[in-house]
Protein backbone atom coordinates (compact mmCIF):
# COMPACT_ATOMS: atom_id res chain seq x y z
CA MET A 1 -10.28 4.13 4.65
CA LEU A 2 -7.99 7.14 4.55
CA MET A 3 -9.59 10.43 3.66
CA PHE A 4 -7.54 13.14 1.99
CA VAL A 5 -8.78 16.55 3.09
CA ASN A 6 -8.82 19.48 0.67
CA GLN A 7 -10.88 22.59 1.50
CA GLU A 8 -13.78 20.76 3.11
CA ARG A 9 -13.72 17.92 0.58
CA TYR A 10 -12.76 14.35 1.40
CA THR A 11 -11.44 11.82 -1.08
CA ALA A 12 -11.37 8.04 -0.59
CA MET A 13 -9.12 6.10 -2.98
CA ARG A 14 -8.81 2.49 -4.17
CA ILE A 15 -5.63 1.21 -5.78
CA HIS A 16 -5.12 -1.77 -8.12
CA VAL A 17 -1.76 -3.53 -7.63
CA LYS A 18 -0.24 -5.68 -10.38
CA VAL A 19 2.97 -7.41 -9.28
CA VAL A 20 5.25 -7.78 -12.33
CA SER A 21 8.50 -8.82 -10.70
CA PRO A 22 9.01 -11.62 -9.87
CA THR A 23 7.03 -12.75 -12.93
CA ASN A 24 5.87 -15.99 -11.29
CA PHE A 25 4.43 -14.33 -8.17
CA HIS A 26 0.88 -15.00 -6.97
CA PHE A 27 -1.01 -14.88 -3.69
CA ASP A 28 -1.47 -18.45 -2.45
CA ASN A 29 -5.26 -18.37 -2.11
CA LEU A 30 -5.93 -16.24 -5.21
CA LEU A 31 -3.56 -17.72 -7.79
CA SER A 32 -3.19 -14.16 -9.10
CA SER A 33 -0.56 -11.44 -9.08
CA GLU A 34 -3.23 -8.71 -9.11
CA ILE A 35 -5.23 -7.35 -6.19
CA SER A 36 -7.02 -4.15 -5.15
CA GLY A 37 -7.56 -2.37 -1.89
CA ALA A 38 -8.57 0.87 -0.24
CA VAL A 39 -5.93 3.33 0.93
CA ALA A 40 -5.91 3.01 4.72
CA THR A 41 -3.08 5.29 5.82
CA ILE A 42 0.19 6.98 4.95
CA ALA A 43 3.03 5.34 6.87
CA GLU A 44 6.79 5.33 7.00
CA LEU A 45 9.01 2.41 6.09
CA GLU A 46 12.27 2.11 7.98
CA LYS A 47 15.02 0.53 5.95
CA LYS A 48 17.05 -1.22 8.64
CA LEU A 49 20.20 -1.58 6.53
CA THR A 50 20.50 2.16 5.85
CA GLY A 51 18.37 3.55 8.69
CA TYR A 52 16.37 5.70 6.25
CA LEU A 53 12.68 6.44 6.69
CA GLU A 54 10.65 6.54 3.49
CA LYS A 55 6.99 7.43 2.91
CA ALA A 56 4.64 4.61 1.94
CA VAL A 57 0.95 3.92 1.48
CA VAL A 58 -0.83 1.12 3.32
CA ILE A 59 -3.85 -0.38 1.58
CA GLU A 60 -6.50 -2.54 3.20
CA LEU A 61 -7.45 -5.48 0.98
CA ASP A 62 -11.07 -6.58 0.56
CA SER A 63 -10.32 -10.00 2.04
CA ARG A 64 -7.51 -11.81 3.77
CA VAL A 65 -4.80 -13.28 1.56
CA TRP A 66 -2.14 -15.91 2.15
CA LEU A 67 1.50 -15.71 1.21
CA SER A 68 3.94 -18.51 2.10
CA GLY A 69 1.71 -19.68 4.95
CA ILE A 70 1.26 -16.18 6.43
CA SER A 71 -2.10 -14.42 6.36
CA GLY A 72 -2.81 -10.73 6.18
CA GLN A 73 -5.12 -8.11 4.78
CA ARG A 74 -2.74 -5.17 4.17
CA LEU A 75 -0.01 -4.23 1.72
CA LEU A 76 2.59 -1.51 2.11
CA LEU A 77 3.31 0.27 -1.17
CA GLN A 78 6.56 2.22 -1.41
CA PRO A 79 6.73 4.46 -4.51
CA ASP A 80 10.20 5.26 -5.88
CA SER A 81 10.32 8.87 -4.67
CA GLU A 82 8.44 11.64 -2.87
CA LEU A 83 7.27 12.88 -6.29
CA ALA A 84 5.96 9.42 -7.18
CA MET A 85 4.13 9.31 -3.82
CA MET A 86 2.48 12.68 -4.52
CA ARG A 87 1.54 11.55 -8.05
CA LEU A 88 -0.04 8.37 -6.66
CA LEU A 89 -2.11 10.35 -4.16
CA GLN A 90 -3.19 12.61 -7.04
CA GLY A 91 -4.59 9.54 -8.82
CA LYS A 92 -1.74 8.80 -11.26
CA SER A 93 -0.20 5.37 -11.88
CA ASN A 94 3.27 4.66 -10.52
CA TRP A 95 5.79 1.91 -9.94
CA ALA A 96 6.46 0.83 -6.36
CA ASN A 97 8.01 -1.80 -4.16
CA VAL A 98 5.31 -3.91 -2.52
CA TYR A 99 5.49 -5.45 0.94
CA PHE A 100 3.00 -7.84 2.56
CA ILE A 101 2.09 -6.91 6.13
CA PRO A 102 1.46 -10.05 8.23
CA HIS A 103 -1.85 -10.04 10.11
CA ALA A 104 -0.38 -9.71 13.61
CA LEU A 105 2.12 -6.95 12.77
CA PRO A 106 1.17 -3.43 13.90
CA PRO A 107 3.25 -0.35 13.11
CA THR A 108 5.20 1.36 15.87
CA PRO A 109 3.27 4.02 17.82
CA GLN A 110 4.80 6.58 15.41
CA GLY A 111 3.28 4.75 12.39
CA ILE A 112 6.56 3.19 11.24
CA TYR A 113 6.96 -0.28 9.72
CA GLU A 114 10.38 -1.95 9.65
CA ASP A 115 11.28 -3.59 6.36
CA GLU A 116 12.79 -6.61 8.17
CA GLN A 117 9.38 -7.47 9.65
CA LEU A 118 7.52 -7.27 6.36
CA VAL A 119 7.46 -9.77 3.49
CA PHE A 120 8.97 -8.17 0.38
CA ILE A 121 6.90 -9.21 -2.63
CA GLY A 122 8.56 -7.32 -5.47
CA ARG A 123 7.84 -4.53 -7.98
CA ALA A 124 4.35 -3.58 -9.03
CA MET A 125 2.44 -1.09 -11.10
CA LEU A 126 -0.02 0.82 -8.93
CA THR A 127 -3.12 2.17 -10.64
CA PRO A 128 -5.72 4.22 -8.77
CA ILE A 129 -9.02 2.72 -9.91
CA SER A 130 -11.51 4.87 -8.10
CA SER A 131 -11.83 7.78 -5.81
CA SER A 132 -14.88 9.44 -4.47
CA THR A 133 -15.10 12.99 -3.27
CA VAL A 134 -17.73 14.22 -0.85
CA LYS A 135 -18.29 17.63 0.64
CA SER A 136 -17.84 18.18 4.37
CA LYS A 137 -21.00 18.67 6.44
CA SER A 138 -19.41 21.43 8.50
């Protein structure tokens, strides 16, 4: 779980994801368009068509899910802008593009995921549902 550091305080965050577009979407083994997970890392998403790198959040799901015969336990959430990314990390709801990360797909050594290797799910509302803050022992 990713820890955000702020003056000797560490925050762990969970995010609820509700896919709203396409409207008929659901994870194969859950029959639901909603899922939650813990923020695992901040990554970059490389858009192959344009060559742009964009900030994204990777969440680790509580259990493995299936999508079109592919299993995985992580989602990549790409908010609409840098401001939306900062707002999400501050605990505010935001819209984002959601990508499914197949189980066997690691990022590059630089922490970059390529959009062509991910499974694009659609648009979702991201809602931080919990965060806990603890004081550093140092």
